[in-house]
Amino acid sequence: MAKYPIPPDALLLLKDKELDLDGLKGQNRNQKLKESLLLKFDDDPEEIIEDEDIIIPLETGTELHKKKNYQDAWKCFKQNAELEAADENNHSESQCRYAVSLLGDLNKEGNEDIKDKNRKEIIRYFELAAENQSKPNVDAMYYLGDIYVNGKLKVHKNKERGVNYLRLAANSNHERANALLKKLSA
């Protein structure tokens, strides 16, 4: 076994001026990446670059989703979720959309183990979105309410928990949550 002067788990020193204390270097890098990607999407915003190394910005994914290009939007949301952008950066909209995209693919999956894993992932991302501290997602609240009240996705029915999510959504004037609450009280 060779001897190394520096243990592999030792902290490494950075080169001069590499430390990004104020976060500006990261902002500049992210802005340059965003600008370069937007230039590539200028001619046809629905054109998705097939290079797996390029991460499509969430804003582009949102635009694709609004244009009903769900397949390419899903690629964007999945990429960002896999990078834990949805987890670490508190993007409640991408958390919710990622859960919805998994929900849409659930019926296409034949393997029951993968379906169970996806069900758990769907609930996890809806909960992340609904309980997001900076910007809770109202749609995720509605979906969770519906899931728990009706025992969907093979969860145990929990009417109290479901109604709580529905009330939170209804307090933000979510029409479907209001309708479901009225139906439940009838």
Protein backbone atom coordinates (compact mmCIF):
# COMPACT_ATOMS: atom_id res chain seq x y z
CA MET A 1 0.00 0.00 0.00
CA ALA A 2 1.45 3.35 -1.02
CA LYS A 3 1.85 6.07 1.56
CA TYR A 4 0.24 9.40 0.85
CA PRO A 5 1.48 12.62 2.41
CA ILE A 6 -2.11 13.92 2.61
CA PRO A 7 -4.86 11.60 3.81
CA PRO A 8 -7.70 11.18 1.27
CA ASP A 9 -10.27 12.60 3.70
CA ALA A 10 -8.25 15.72 4.56
CA LEU A 11 -9.67 19.12 3.66
CA LEU A 12 -8.02 20.57 0.59
CA LEU A 13 -6.91 24.16 0.27
CA LEU A 14 -8.48 26.29 -2.41
CA LYS A 15 -6.53 28.41 -4.83
CA ASP A 16 -6.39 32.14 -4.18
CA LYS A 17 -9.73 33.94 -4.76
CA GLU A 18 -11.72 30.71 -5.26
CA LEU A 19 -13.71 30.98 -2.07
CA ASP A 20 -17.18 32.36 -2.84
CA LEU A 21 -18.14 34.02 0.45
CA ASP A 22 -20.73 36.41 -0.92
CA GLY A 23 -22.25 33.97 -3.44
CA LEU A 24 -21.61 36.24 -6.40
CA LYS A 25 -19.44 33.76 -8.26
CA GLY A 26 -22.23 31.19 -8.12
CA GLN A 27 -24.78 33.78 -9.26
CA ASN A 28 -22.60 34.82 -12.18
CA ARG A 29 -22.02 31.19 -13.15
CA ASN A 30 -25.74 30.40 -12.90
CA GLN A 31 -26.66 33.55 -14.82
CA LYS A 32 -24.18 32.71 -17.60
CA LEU A 33 -25.54 29.15 -17.82
CA LYS A 34 -29.11 30.45 -17.91
CA GLU A 35 -28.26 32.99 -20.61
CA SER A 36 -26.48 30.40 -22.74
CA LEU A 37 -29.41 27.99 -22.44
CA LEU A 38 -31.95 30.73 -23.20
CA LEU A 39 -30.00 31.61 -26.34
CA LYS A 40 -30.29 28.00 -27.45
CA PHE A 41 -34.06 28.05 -26.79
CA ASP A 42 -34.71 31.44 -28.45
CA ASP A 43 -35.60 30.01 -31.85
CA ASP A 44 -37.77 27.17 -30.59
CA PRO A 45 -38.48 27.11 -26.85
CA GLU A 46 -39.82 23.58 -27.12
CA GLU A 47 -36.55 22.25 -28.46
CA ILE A 48 -34.85 20.22 -25.76
CA ILE A 49 -31.16 19.60 -25.91
CA GLU A 50 -30.45 15.89 -25.72
CA ASP A 51 -27.10 16.35 -23.98
CA GLU A 52 -27.56 14.82 -20.52
CA ASP A 53 -24.89 17.12 -19.05
CA ILE A 54 -26.95 20.25 -19.67
CA ILE A 55 -29.53 20.98 -17.01
CA ILE A 56 -32.63 22.70 -18.34
CA PRO A 57 -33.62 25.67 -16.15
CA LEU A 58 -36.83 25.32 -14.15
CA GLU A 59 -38.23 28.43 -15.84
CA THR A 60 -37.92 26.68 -19.21
CA GLY A 61 -39.61 23.59 -17.80
CA THR A 62 -42.45 25.73 -16.50
CA GLU A 63 -42.88 27.34 -19.92
CA LEU A 64 -42.87 23.93 -21.60
CA HIS A 65 -45.52 22.74 -19.14
CA LYS A 66 -47.69 25.80 -19.82
CA LYS A 67 -47.42 25.02 -23.56
CA LYS A 68 -48.60 21.48 -22.72
CA ASN A 69 -45.29 19.95 -23.77
CA TYR A 70 -45.47 17.65 -20.77
CA GLN A 71 -42.87 15.14 -21.92
CA ASP A 72 -40.07 17.70 -22.24
CA ALA A 73 -41.22 19.58 -19.16
CA TRP A 74 -41.07 16.32 -17.23
CA LYS A 75 -37.46 15.82 -18.37
CA CYS A 76 -36.61 19.24 -16.98
CA PHE A 77 -38.35 18.71 -13.64
CA LYS A 78 -36.84 15.25 -13.29
CA GLN A 79 -33.33 16.57 -13.99
CA ASN A 80 -33.72 19.29 -11.42
CA ALA A 81 -35.23 16.97 -8.85
CA GLU A 82 -32.44 14.47 -9.35
CA LEU A 83 -29.99 17.23 -8.62
CA GLU A 84 -32.00 17.85 -5.45
CA ALA A 85 -32.81 21.32 -6.64
CA ALA A 86 -36.35 20.70 -5.53
CA ASP A 87 -35.18 19.52 -2.12
CA GLU A 88 -32.39 21.93 -1.31
CA ASN A 89 -33.56 25.13 -2.95
CA ASN A 90 -37.18 24.92 -1.81
CA HIS A 91 -38.76 25.07 -5.26
CA SER A 92 -42.28 24.15 -4.20
CA GLU A 93 -43.61 24.42 -7.75
CA SER A 94 -41.01 22.00 -9.11
CA GLN A 95 -41.59 19.69 -6.15
CA CYS A 96 -45.30 19.58 -6.94
CA ARG A 97 -44.81 19.24 -10.69
CA TYR A 98 -42.30 16.44 -10.20
CA ALA A 99 -44.84 14.56 -8.05
CA VAL A 100 -47.53 15.11 -10.68
CA SER A 101 -45.21 13.82 -13.41
CA LEU A 102 -44.53 10.67 -11.38
CA LEU A 103 -48.26 10.33 -10.82
CA GLY A 104 -48.83 10.43 -14.57
CA ASP A 105 -46.28 7.68 -15.16
CA LEU A 106 -47.61 5.43 -12.40
CA ASN A 107 -50.13 3.61 -14.62
CA LYS A 108 -47.50 3.00 -17.29
CA GLU A 109 -45.25 1.10 -14.89
CA GLY A 110 -45.70 -2.66 -14.74
CA ASN A 111 -43.31 -3.52 -11.92
CA GLU A 112 -45.19 -3.35 -8.60
CA ASP A 113 -42.01 -2.68 -6.57
CA ILE A 114 -41.23 0.35 -8.71
CA LYS A 115 -44.86 1.50 -8.40
CA ASP A 116 -44.60 1.32 -4.60
CA LYS A 117 -41.34 3.28 -4.68
CA ASN A 118 -42.93 5.89 -6.95
CA ARG A 119 -45.99 6.18 -4.71
CA LYS A 120 -43.75 6.99 -1.75
CA GLU A 121 -41.81 9.47 -3.87
CA ILE A 122 -45.05 11.15 -4.98
CA ILE A 123 -46.23 11.57 -1.39
CA ARG A 124 -42.76 12.81 -0.35
CA TYR A 125 -42.63 15.52 -3.02
CA PHE A 126 -46.22 16.61 -2.47
CA GLU A 127 -45.43 16.97 1.24
CA LEU A 128 -42.23 18.90 0.50
CA ALA A 129 -44.20 21.26 -1.72
CA ALA A 130 -47.19 21.64 0.60
CA GLU A 131 -45.09 22.20 3.70
CA ASN A 132 -42.47 24.40 2.04
CA GLN A 133 -41.46 27.12 4.50
CA SER A 134 -40.80 29.86 1.96
CA LYS A 135 -43.68 29.24 -0.47
CA PRO A 136 -46.12 26.41 0.23
CA ASN A 137 -47.73 24.98 -2.90
CA VAL A 138 -51.54 25.08 -2.78
CA ASP A 139 -51.99 22.43 -5.48
CA ALA A 140 -49.84 20.02 -3.48
CA MET A 141 -52.04 20.68 -0.44
CA TYR A 142 -55.11 19.78 -2.50
CA TYR A 143 -53.54 16.61 -3.91
CA LEU A 144 -52.46 15.46 -0.45
CA GLY A 145 -55.92 16.18 0.92
CA ASP A 146 -57.51 14.12 -1.83
CA ILE A 147 -54.99 11.31 -1.37
CA TYR A 148 -55.46 11.04 2.40
CA VAL A 149 -59.25 11.54 2.43
CA ASN A 150 -59.82 8.88 -0.23
CA GLY A 151 -56.94 6.52 0.57
CA LYS A 152 -55.39 6.93 -2.87
CA LEU A 153 -51.91 5.68 -3.79
CA LYS A 154 -52.41 2.81 -1.34
CA VAL A 155 -52.09 5.07 1.71
CA HIS A 156 -54.27 4.40 4.73
CA LYS A 157 -57.27 6.70 4.74
CA ASN A 158 -56.71 9.54 7.13
CA LYS A 159 -59.69 11.85 6.79
CA GLU A 160 -58.50 14.26 9.48
CA ARG A 161 -55.11 14.76 7.86
CA GLY A 162 -56.68 15.03 4.41
CA VAL A 163 -59.23 17.59 5.54
CA ASN A 164 -56.46 19.65 7.15
CA TYR A 165 -54.59 19.82 3.83
CA LEU A 166 -57.84 20.63 2.00
CA ARG A 167 -58.62 23.46 4.44
CA LEU A 168 -55.15 24.92 3.94
CA ALA A 169 -55.69 24.86 0.18
CA ALA A 170 -59.23 26.24 0.51
CA ASN A 171 -57.92 29.12 2.63
CA SER A 172 -55.91 30.10 -0.44
CA ASN A 173 -59.06 29.98 -2.59
CA HIS A 174 -58.26 26.65 -4.28
CA GLU A 175 -61.52 25.85 -6.10
CA ARG A 176 -61.10 22.07 -6.22
CA ALA A 177 -60.25 21.97 -2.50
CA ASN A 178 -63.38 24.01 -1.73
CA ALA A 179 -65.49 21.69 -3.87
CA LEU A 180 -64.09 18.56 -2.23
CA LEU A 181 -64.63 19.99 1.26
CA LYS A 182 -68.26 20.80 0.39
CA LYS A 183 -68.73 17.29 -0.97
CA LEU A 184 -67.26 15.78 2.22
CA SER A 185 -69.53 17.83 4.49
CA ALA A 186 -72.67 16.94 2.53
